């Protein structure tokens, strides 16, 4: 019985839910460039990447013009979540 309950607990801890939703749209040209900024979040409060944001995502994607769209993907675990900002532009 302990093995079964332990297996269920491990599956619950390792399982995740992922959702992506749009955050912002501008009148800038979408273009072919795409950049991402990632961070981990503990307890929904503590962000582990101090540079997380649109600026870092644009820099990672080589976007020097305007940012056209911003999407955010969140993968949630029990006490930890991973957030990714995805930006497009030129």
PDB file of N, CA and C in Angstrom:
ATOM      1  N   UNK A   1       0.825  -1.191   0.000  1.00  0.00           N
ATOM      2  CA  UNK A   1       0.000   0.000   0.000  1.00  0.00           C
ATOM      3  C   UNK A   1       0.873   1.259   0.000  1.00  0.00           C
ATOM      4  N   UNK A   2       1.980   1.237   0.763  1.00  0.00           N
ATOM      5  CA  UNK A   2       2.875   2.397   0.786  1.00  0.00           C
ATOM      6  C   UNK A   2       3.463   2.656  -0.593  1.00  0.00           C
ATOM      7  N   UNK A   3       3.770   1.586  -1.325  1.00  0.00           N
ATOM      8  CA  UNK A   3       4.334   1.739  -2.668  1.00  0.00           C
ATOM      9  C   UNK A   3       3.334   2.395  -3.608  1.00  0.00           C
ATOM     10  N   UNK A   4       2.093   1.986  -3.534  1.00  0.00           N
ATOM     11  CA  UNK A   4       1.059   2.564  -4.398  1.00  0.00           C
ATOM     12  C   UNK A   4       0.852   4.035  -4.066  1.00  0.00           C
ATOM     13  N   UNK A   5       0.731   4.365  -2.796  1.00  0.00           N
ATOM     14  CA  UNK A   5       0.551   5.761  -2.396  1.00  0.00           C
ATOM     15  C   UNK A   5       1.781   6.594  -2.746  1.00  0.00           C
ATOM     16  N   UNK A   6       2.962   6.021  -2.592  1.00  0.00           N
ATOM     17  CA  UNK A   6       4.186   6.721  -2.978  1.00  0.00           C
ATOM     18  C   UNK A   6       4.232   7.001  -4.470  1.00  0.00           C
ATOM     19  N   UNK A   7       3.791   6.028  -5.268  1.00  0.00           N
ATOM     20  CA  UNK A   7       3.734   6.217  -6.722  1.00  0.00           C
ATOM     21  C   UNK A   7       2.745   7.297  -7.122  1.00  0.00           C
ATOM     22  N   UNK A   8       1.600   7.317  -6.474  1.00  0.00           N
ATOM     23  CA  UNK A   8       0.592   8.352  -6.751  1.00  0.00           C
ATOM     24  C   UNK A   8       1.118   9.725  -6.369  1.00  0.00           C
ATOM     25  N   UNK A   9       1.785   9.815  -5.215  1.00  0.00           N
ATOM     26  CA  UNK A   9       2.355  11.095  -4.778  1.00  0.00           C
ATOM     27  C   UNK A   9       3.434  11.570  -5.744  1.00  0.00           C
ATOM     28  N   UNK A  10       4.303  10.656  -6.192  1.00  0.00           N
ATOM     29  CA  UNK A  10       5.359  11.033  -7.144  1.00  0.00           C
ATOM     30  C   UNK A  10       4.757  11.512  -8.455  1.00  0.00           C
ATOM     31  N   UNK A  11       3.725  10.837  -8.944  1.00  0.00           N
ATOM     32  CA  UNK A  11       3.066  11.253 -10.189  1.00  0.00           C
ATOM     33  C   UNK A  11       2.434  12.632 -10.042  1.00  0.00           C
ATOM     34  N   UNK A  12       1.837  12.916  -8.899  1.00  0.00           N
ATOM     35  CA  UNK A  12       1.218  14.225  -8.667  1.00  0.00           C
ATOM     36  C   UNK A  12       2.262  15.330  -8.630  1.00  0.00           C
ATOM     37  N   UNK A  13       3.410  15.050  -8.028  1.00  0.00           N
ATOM     38  CA  UNK A  13       4.465  16.062  -7.924  1.00  0.00           C
ATOM     39  C   UNK A  13       5.099  16.333  -9.279  1.00  0.00           C
ATOM     40  N   UNK A  14       5.274  15.293 -10.093  1.00  0.00           N
ATOM     41  CA  UNK A  14       5.950  15.445 -11.376  1.00  0.00           C
ATOM     42  C   UNK A  14       5.023  15.878 -12.505  1.00  0.00           C
ATOM     43  N   UNK A  15       3.724  15.793 -12.320  1.00  0.00           N
ATOM     44  CA  UNK A  15       2.804  16.174 -13.382  1.00  0.00           C
ATOM     45  C   UNK A  15       2.727  17.693 -13.493  1.00  0.00           C
ATOM     46  N   UNK A  16       2.369  18.146 -14.679  1.00  0.00           N
ATOM     47  CA  UNK A  16       2.293  19.589 -14.880  1.00  0.00           C
ATOM     48  C   UNK A  16       1.122  19.940 -15.779  1.00  0.00           C
ATOM     49  N   UNK A  17       0.801  21.205 -15.777  1.00  0.00           N
ATOM     50  CA  UNK A  17      -0.225  21.768 -16.641  1.00  0.00           C
ATOM     51  C   UNK A  17       0.431  22.937 -17.366  1.00  0.00           C
ATOM     52  N   UNK A  18       0.212  23.049 -18.658  1.00  0.00           N
ATOM     53  CA  UNK A  18       0.833  24.117 -19.423  1.00  0.00           C
ATOM     54  C   UNK A  18      -0.237  24.912 -20.154  1.00  0.00           C
ATOM     55  N   UNK A  19      -0.103  26.239 -20.111  1.00  0.00           N
ATOM     56  CA  UNK A  19      -1.040  27.116 -20.808  1.00  0.00           C
ATOM     57  C   UNK A  19      -0.262  28.291 -21.404  1.00  0.00           C
ATOM     58  N   UNK A  20      -0.634  28.669 -22.627  1.00  0.00           N
ATOM     59  CA  UNK A  20      -0.018  29.818 -23.300  1.00  0.00           C
ATOM     60  C   UNK A  20      -1.124  30.799 -23.653  1.00  0.00           C
ATOM     61  N   UNK A  21      -0.908  32.080 -23.320  1.00  0.00           N
ATOM     62  CA  UNK A  21      -1.920  33.074 -23.643  1.00  0.00           C
ATOM     63  C   UNK A  21      -1.248  34.364 -24.113  1.00  0.00           C
ATOM     64  N   UNK A  22      -1.927  35.130 -24.979  1.00  0.00           N
ATOM     65  CA  UNK A  22      -1.380  36.392 -25.465  1.00  0.00           C
ATOM     66  C   UNK A  22      -1.414  37.464 -24.386  1.00  0.00           C
ATOM     67  N   UNK A  23      -0.355  38.273 -24.337  1.00  0.00           N
ATOM     68  CA  UNK A  23      -0.292  39.354 -23.355  1.00  0.00           C
ATOM     69  C   UNK A  23      -0.424  40.723 -24.006  1.00  0.00           C
ATOM     70  N   UNK A  24       0.220  40.893 -25.171  1.00  0.00           N
ATOM     71  CA  UNK A  24       0.218  42.214 -25.802  1.00  0.00           C
ATOM     72  C   UNK A  24       0.409  42.084 -27.309  1.00  0.00           C
ATOM     73  N   UNK A  25      -0.129  43.049 -28.036  1.00  0.00           N
ATOM     74  CA  UNK A  25       0.028  43.151 -29.481  1.00  0.00           C
ATOM     75  C   UNK A  25       0.257  44.620 -29.796  1.00  0.00           C
ATOM     76  N   UNK A  26       1.187  44.883 -30.714  1.00  0.00           N
ATOM     77  CA  UNK A  26       1.429  46.274 -31.132  1.00  0.00           C
ATOM     78  C   UNK A  26       1.265  46.370 -32.638  1.00  0.00           C
ATOM     79  N   UNK A  27       1.448  47.547 -33.180  1.00  0.00           N
ATOM     80  CA  UNK A  27       1.343  47.732 -34.623  1.00  0.00           C
ATOM     81  C   UNK A  27       2.681  47.525 -35.327  1.00  0.00           C
ATOM     82  N   UNK A  28       3.699  47.022 -34.639  1.00  0.00           N
ATOM     83  CA  UNK A  28       4.995  46.728 -35.248  1.00  0.00           C
ATOM     84  C   UNK A  28       4.855  45.512 -36.167  1.00  0.00           C
ATOM     85  N   UNK A  29       5.739  45.411 -37.147  1.00  0.00           N
ATOM     86  CA  UNK A  29       5.744  44.292 -38.078  1.00  0.00           C
ATOM     87  C   UNK A  29       6.151  43.021 -37.344  1.00  0.00           C
ATOM     88  N   UNK A  30       5.433  41.934 -37.581  1.00  0.00           N
ATOM     89  CA  UNK A  30       5.722  40.682 -36.876  1.00  0.00           C
ATOM     90  C   UNK A  30       7.101  40.153 -37.242  1.00  0.00           C
ATOM     91  N   UNK A  31       7.448  40.072 -38.508  1.00  0.00           N
ATOM     92  CA  UNK A  31       8.778  39.628 -38.922  1.00  0.00           C
ATOM     93  C   UNK A  31       9.018  38.156 -38.615  1.00  0.00           C
ATOM     94  N   UNK A  32      10.279  37.718 -38.819  1.00  0.00           N
ATOM     95  CA  UNK A  32      10.658  36.322 -38.634  1.00  0.00           C
ATOM     96  C   UNK A  32      11.369  36.059 -37.319  1.00  0.00           C
ATOM     97  N   UNK A  33      11.732  37.091 -36.586  1.00  0.00           N
ATOM     98  CA  UNK A  33      12.504  36.910 -35.357  1.00  0.00           C
ATOM     99  C   UNK A  33      11.591  36.566 -34.186  1.00  0.00           C
ATOM    100  N   UNK A  34      12.096  35.645 -33.356  1.00  0.00           N
ATOM    101  CA  UNK A  34      11.350  35.245 -32.161  1.00  0.00           C
ATOM    102  C   UNK A  34      12.358  35.070 -31.028  1.00  0.00           C
ATOM    103  N   UNK A  35      12.054  35.627 -29.876  1.00  0.00           N
ATOM    104  CA  UNK A  35      12.927  35.505 -28.721  1.00  0.00           C
ATOM    105  C   UNK A  35      12.164  35.017 -27.513  1.00  0.00           C
ATOM    106  N   UNK A  36      12.915  34.385 -26.588  1.00  0.00           N
ATOM    107  CA  UNK A  36      12.284  33.838 -25.386  1.00  0.00           C
ATOM    108  C   UNK A  36      13.060  34.252 -24.148  1.00  0.00           C
ATOM    109  N   UNK A  37      12.329  34.487 -23.083  1.00  0.00           N
ATOM    110  CA  UNK A  37      12.902  34.757 -21.765  1.00  0.00           C
ATOM    111  C   UNK A  37      12.242  33.779 -20.794  1.00  0.00           C
ATOM    112  N   UNK A  38      13.064  33.027 -20.038  1.00  0.00           N
ATOM    113  CA  UNK A  38      12.528  32.001 -19.147  1.00  0.00           C
ATOM    114  C   UNK A  38      12.918  32.265 -17.703  1.00  0.00           C
ATOM    115  N   UNK A  39      12.042  31.844 -16.792  1.00  0.00           N
ATOM    116  CA  UNK A  39      12.335  31.926 -15.367  1.00  0.00           C
ATOM    117  C   UNK A  39      11.580  30.831 -14.632  1.00  0.00           C
ATOM    118  N   UNK A  40      12.073  30.492 -13.496  1.00  0.00           N
ATOM    119  CA  UNK A  40      11.366  29.607 -12.587  1.00  0.00           C
ATOM    120  C   UNK A  40      10.724  30.452 -11.495  1.00  0.00           C
ATOM    121  N   UNK A  41       9.600  29.992 -10.968  1.00  0.00           N
ATOM    122  CA  UNK A  41       8.887  30.729  -9.931  1.00  0.00           C
ATOM    123  C   UNK A  41       8.583  29.756  -8.788  1.00  0.00           C
ATOM    124  N   UNK A  42       9.033  30.100  -7.594  1.00  0.00           N
ATOM    125  CA  UNK A  42       8.764  29.276  -6.422  1.00  0.00           C
ATOM    126  C   UNK A  42       7.585  29.837  -5.645  1.00  0.00           C
ATOM    127  N   UNK A  43       6.662  28.987  -5.294  1.00  0.00           N
ATOM    128  CA  UNK A  43       5.485  29.352  -4.499  1.00  0.00           C
ATOM    129  C   UNK A  43       4.657  30.473  -5.130  1.00  0.00           C
ATOM    130  N   UNK A  44       4.805  30.695  -6.435  1.00  0.00           N
ATOM    131  CA  UNK A  44       4.052  31.727  -7.129  1.00  0.00           C
ATOM    132  C   UNK A  44       4.507  33.143  -6.840  1.00  0.00           C
ATOM    133  N   UNK A  45       5.634  33.311  -6.117  1.00  0.00           N
ATOM    134  CA  UNK A  45       6.060  34.638  -5.684  1.00  0.00           C
ATOM    135  C   UNK A  45       7.506  34.947  -6.063  1.00  0.00           C
ATOM    136  N   UNK A  46       8.406  34.007  -5.878  1.00  0.00           N
ATOM    137  CA  UNK A  46       9.838  34.250  -6.025  1.00  0.00           C
ATOM    138  C   UNK A  46      10.321  33.902  -7.432  1.00  0.00           C
ATOM    139  N   UNK A  47      10.643  34.933  -8.224  1.00  0.00           N
ATOM    140  CA  UNK A  47      11.156  34.747  -9.580  1.00  0.00           C
ATOM    141  C   UNK A  47      12.659  34.521  -9.505  1.00  0.00           C
ATOM    142  N   UNK A  48      13.149  33.474 -10.168  1.00  0.00           N
ATOM    143  CA  UNK A  48      14.546  33.078 -10.062  1.00  0.00           C
ATOM    144  C   UNK A  48      15.459  33.752 -11.087  1.00  0.00           C
ATOM    145  N   UNK A  49      14.905  34.365 -12.124  1.00  0.00           N
ATOM    146  CA  UNK A  49      15.692  35.064 -13.134  1.00  0.00           C
ATOM    147  C   UNK A  49      15.396  36.554 -13.012  1.00  0.00           C
ATOM    148  N   UNK A  50      16.366  37.320 -12.556  1.00  0.00           N
ATOM    149  CA  UNK A  50      16.181  38.758 -12.375  1.00  0.00           C
ATOM    150  C   UNK A  50      16.044  39.522 -13.679  1.00  0.00           C
ATOM    151  N   UNK A  51      16.479  38.940 -14.815  1.00  0.00           N
ATOM    152  CA  UNK A  51      16.401  39.598 -16.115  1.00  0.00           C
ATOM    153  C   UNK A  51      15.151  39.219 -16.896  1.00  0.00           C
ATOM    154  N   UNK A  52      14.284  38.411 -16.319  1.00  0.00           N
ATOM    155  CA  UNK A  52      13.089  37.929 -17.002  1.00  0.00           C
ATOM    156  C   UNK A  52      12.237  39.103 -17.462  1.00  0.00           C
ATOM    157  N   UNK A  53      11.914  39.111 -18.752  1.00  0.00           N
ATOM    158  CA  UNK A  53      11.048  40.160 -19.265  1.00  0.00           C
ATOM    159  C   UNK A  53      11.129  40.299 -20.770  1.00  0.00           C
ATOM    160  N   UNK A  54      10.413  41.258 -21.284  1.00  0.00           N
ATOM    161  CA  UNK A  54      10.346  41.491 -22.722  1.00  0.00           C
ATOM    162  C   UNK A  54      11.703  41.918 -23.262  1.00  0.00           C
ATOM    163  N   UNK A  55      12.430  42.731 -22.511  1.00  0.00           N
ATOM    164  CA  UNK A  55      13.743  43.197 -22.960  1.00  0.00           C
ATOM    165  C   UNK A  55      14.693  42.028 -23.176  1.00  0.00           C
ATOM    166  N   UNK A  56      14.748  41.093 -22.228  1.00  0.00           N
ATOM    167  CA  UNK A  56      15.629  39.933 -22.377  1.00  0.00           C
ATOM    168  C   UNK A  56      15.187  39.060 -23.552  1.00  0.00           C
ATOM    169  N   UNK A  57      13.886  38.858 -23.715  1.00  0.00           N
ATOM    170  CA  UNK A  57      13.380  38.035 -24.812  1.00  0.00           C
ATOM    171  C   UNK A  57      13.720  38.651 -26.161  1.00  0.00           C
ATOM    172  N   UNK A  58      13.566  39.966 -26.292  1.00  0.00           N
ATOM    173  CA  UNK A  58      13.909  40.648 -27.544  1.00  0.00           C
ATOM    174  C   UNK A  58      15.404  40.537 -27.822  1.00  0.00           C
ATOM    175  N   UNK A  59      16.219  40.668 -26.799  1.00  0.00           N
ATOM    176  CA  UNK A  59      17.669  40.541 -26.960  1.00  0.00           C
ATOM    177  C   UNK A  59      18.042  39.125 -27.394  1.00  0.00           C
ATOM    178  N   UNK A  60      17.426  38.107 -26.782  1.00  0.00           N
ATOM    179  CA  UNK A  60      17.710  36.713 -27.136  1.00  0.00           C
ATOM    180  C   UNK A  60      17.314  36.409 -28.583  1.00  0.00           C
ATOM    181  N   UNK A  61      16.268  37.048 -29.081  1.00  0.00           N
ATOM    182  CA  UNK A  61      15.803  36.821 -30.442  1.00  0.00           C
ATOM    183  C   UNK A  61      16.430  37.740 -31.468  1.00  0.00           C
ATOM    184  N   UNK A  62      17.278  38.655 -31.041  1.00  0.00           N
ATOM    185  CA  UNK A  62      17.906  39.596 -31.969  1.00  0.00           C
ATOM    186  C   UNK A  62      16.922  40.593 -32.551  1.00  0.00           C
ATOM    187  N   UNK A  63      15.908  40.928 -31.808  1.00  0.00           N
ATOM    188  CA  UNK A  63      14.891  41.879 -32.269  1.00  0.00           C
ATOM    189  C   UNK A  63      15.379  43.285 -31.946  1.00  0.00           C
ATOM    190  N   UNK A  64      15.651  44.060 -32.990  1.00  0.00           N
ATOM    191  CA  UNK A  64      16.157  45.424 -32.795  1.00  0.00           C
ATOM    192  C   UNK A  64      15.104  46.474 -33.111  1.00  0.00           C
ATOM    193  N   UNK A  65      14.084  46.095 -33.888  1.00  0.00           N
ATOM    194  CA  UNK A  65      12.981  47.005 -34.184  1.00  0.00           C
ATOM    195  C   UNK A  65      11.938  46.889 -33.086  1.00  0.00           C
ATOM    196  N   UNK A  66      10.703  47.087 -33.447  1.00  0.00           N
ATOM    197  CA  UNK A  66       9.632  46.989 -32.464  1.00  0.00           C
ATOM    198  C   UNK A  66       9.212  45.554 -32.186  1.00  0.00           C
ATOM    199  N   UNK A  67       8.690  45.321 -31.011  1.00  0.00           N
ATOM    200  CA  UNK A  67       8.143  44.021 -30.633  1.00  0.00           C
ATOM    201  C   UNK A  67       6.674  43.999 -31.054  1.00  0.00           C
ATOM    202  N   UNK A  68       6.294  42.992 -31.851  1.00  0.00           N
ATOM    203  CA  UNK A  68       4.935  42.932 -32.386  1.00  0.00           C
ATOM    204  C   UNK A  68       3.971  42.205 -31.456  1.00  0.00           C
ATOM    205  N   UNK A  69       4.366  41.042 -30.950  1.00  0.00           N
ATOM    206  CA  UNK A  69       3.489  40.278 -30.073  1.00  0.00           C
ATOM    207  C   UNK A  69       4.265  39.768 -28.860  1.00  0.00           C
ATOM    208  N   UNK A  70       3.539  39.587 -27.765  1.00  0.00           N
ATOM    209  CA  UNK A  70       4.103  39.020 -26.542  1.00  0.00           C
ATOM    210  C   UNK A  70       3.131  37.953 -26.043  1.00  0.00           C
ATOM    211  N   UNK A  71       3.629  36.737 -25.903  1.00  0.00           N
ATOM    212  CA  UNK A  71       2.851  35.631 -25.356  1.00  0.00           C
ATOM    213  C   UNK A  71       3.553  35.125 -24.105  1.00  0.00           C
ATOM    214  N   UNK A  72       2.794  34.569 -23.175  1.00  0.00           N
ATOM    215  CA  UNK A  72       3.384  33.987 -21.973  1.00  0.00           C
ATOM    216  C   UNK A  72       2.920  32.548 -21.816  1.00  0.00           C
ATOM    217  N   UNK A  73       3.894  31.630 -21.685  1.00  0.00           N
ATOM    218  CA  UNK A  73       3.601  30.222 -21.435  1.00  0.00           C
ATOM    219  C   UNK A  73       3.927  29.932 -19.974  1.00  0.00           C
ATOM    220  N   UNK A  74       3.008  29.285 -19.280  1.00  0.00           N
ATOM    221  CA  UNK A  74       3.218  28.914 -17.880  1.00  0.00           C
ATOM    222  C   UNK A  74       3.037  27.416 -17.740  1.00  0.00           C
ATOM    223  N   UNK A  75       4.046  26.767 -17.173  1.00  0.00           N
ATOM    224  CA  UNK A  75       3.974  25.348 -16.844  1.00  0.00           C
ATOM    225  C   UNK A  75       3.955  25.259 -15.328  1.00  0.00           C
ATOM    226  N   UNK A  76       2.892  24.690 -14.779  1.00  0.00           N
ATOM    227  CA  UNK A  76       2.713  24.663 -13.329  1.00  0.00           C
ATOM    228  C   UNK A  76       2.943  23.265 -12.772  1.00  0.00           C
ATOM    229  N   UNK A  77       3.697  23.220 -11.703  1.00  0.00           N
ATOM    230  CA  UNK A  77       3.906  22.007 -10.929  1.00  0.00           C
ATOM    231  C   UNK A  77       3.336  22.282  -9.533  1.00  0.00           C
ATOM    232  N   UNK A  78       3.632  21.474  -8.554  1.00  0.00           N
ATOM    233  CA  UNK A  78       3.021  21.640  -7.242  1.00  0.00           C
ATOM    234  C   UNK A  78       3.454  22.939  -6.567  1.00  0.00           C
ATOM    235  N   UNK A  79       4.746  23.149  -6.346  1.00  0.00           N
ATOM    236  CA  UNK A  79       5.230  24.375  -5.685  1.00  0.00           C
ATOM    237  C   UNK A  79       6.120  25.199  -6.601  1.00  0.00           C
ATOM    238  N   UNK A  80       6.275  24.767  -7.840  1.00  0.00           N
ATOM    239  CA  UNK A  80       7.183  25.410  -8.772  1.00  0.00           C
ATOM    240  C   UNK A  80       6.458  25.609 -10.091  1.00  0.00           C
ATOM    241  N   UNK A  81       6.734  26.702 -10.758  1.00  0.00           N
ATOM    242  CA  UNK A  81       6.226  26.895 -12.113  1.00  0.00           C
ATOM    243  C   UNK A  81       7.329  27.484 -12.970  1.00  0.00           C
ATOM    244  N   UNK A  82       7.233  27.250 -14.264  1.00  0.00           N
ATOM    245  CA  UNK A  82       8.200  27.777 -15.228  1.00  0.00           C
ATOM    246  C   UNK A  82       7.441  28.705 -16.168  1.00  0.00           C
ATOM    247  N   UNK A  83       7.915  29.941 -16.282  1.00  0.00           N
ATOM    248  CA  UNK A  83       7.272  30.931 -17.149  1.00  0.00           C
ATOM    249  C   UNK A  83       8.214  31.258 -18.307  1.00  0.00           C
ATOM    250  N   UNK A  84       7.634  31.385 -19.495  1.00  0.00           N
ATOM    251  CA  UNK A  84       8.393  31.724 -20.693  1.00  0.00           C
ATOM    252  C   UNK A  84       7.668  32.848 -21.418  1.00  0.00           C
ATOM    253  N   UNK A  85       8.347  33.967 -21.647  1.00  0.00           N
ATOM    254  CA  UNK A  85       7.817  35.045 -22.491  1.00  0.00           C
ATOM    255  C   UNK A  85       8.313  34.803 -23.901  1.00  0.00           C
ATOM    256  N   UNK A  86       7.410  34.843 -24.858  1.00  0.00           N
ATOM    257  CA  UNK A  86       7.751  34.635 -26.268  1.00  0.00           C
ATOM    258  C   UNK A  86       7.379  35.916 -27.007  1.00  0.00           C
ATOM    259  N   UNK A  87       8.376  36.559 -27.627  1.00  0.00           N
ATOM    260  CA  UNK A  87       8.129  37.802 -28.357  1.00  0.00           C
ATOM    261  C   UNK A  87       8.469  37.599 -29.831  1.00  0.00           C
ATOM    262  N   UNK A  88       7.766  38.311 -30.703  1.00  0.00           N
ATOM    263  CA  UNK A  88       8.068  38.305 -32.121  1.00  0.00           C
ATOM    264  C   UNK A  88       8.253  39.742 -32.589  1.00  0.00           C
ATOM    265  N   UNK A  89       9.032  39.908 -33.630  1.00  0.00           N
ATOM    266  CA  UNK A  89       9.286  41.240 -34.185  1.00  0.00           C
ATOM    267  C   UNK A  89      10.379  41.192 -35.221  1.00  0.00           C
ATOM    268  N   UNK A  90      10.928  42.356 -35.531  1.00  0.00           N
ATOM    269  CA  UNK A  90      12.015  42.456 -36.518  1.00  0.00           C
ATOM    270  C   UNK A  90      13.294  42.866 -35.850  1.00  0.00           C
TER     271      UNK A  90
END
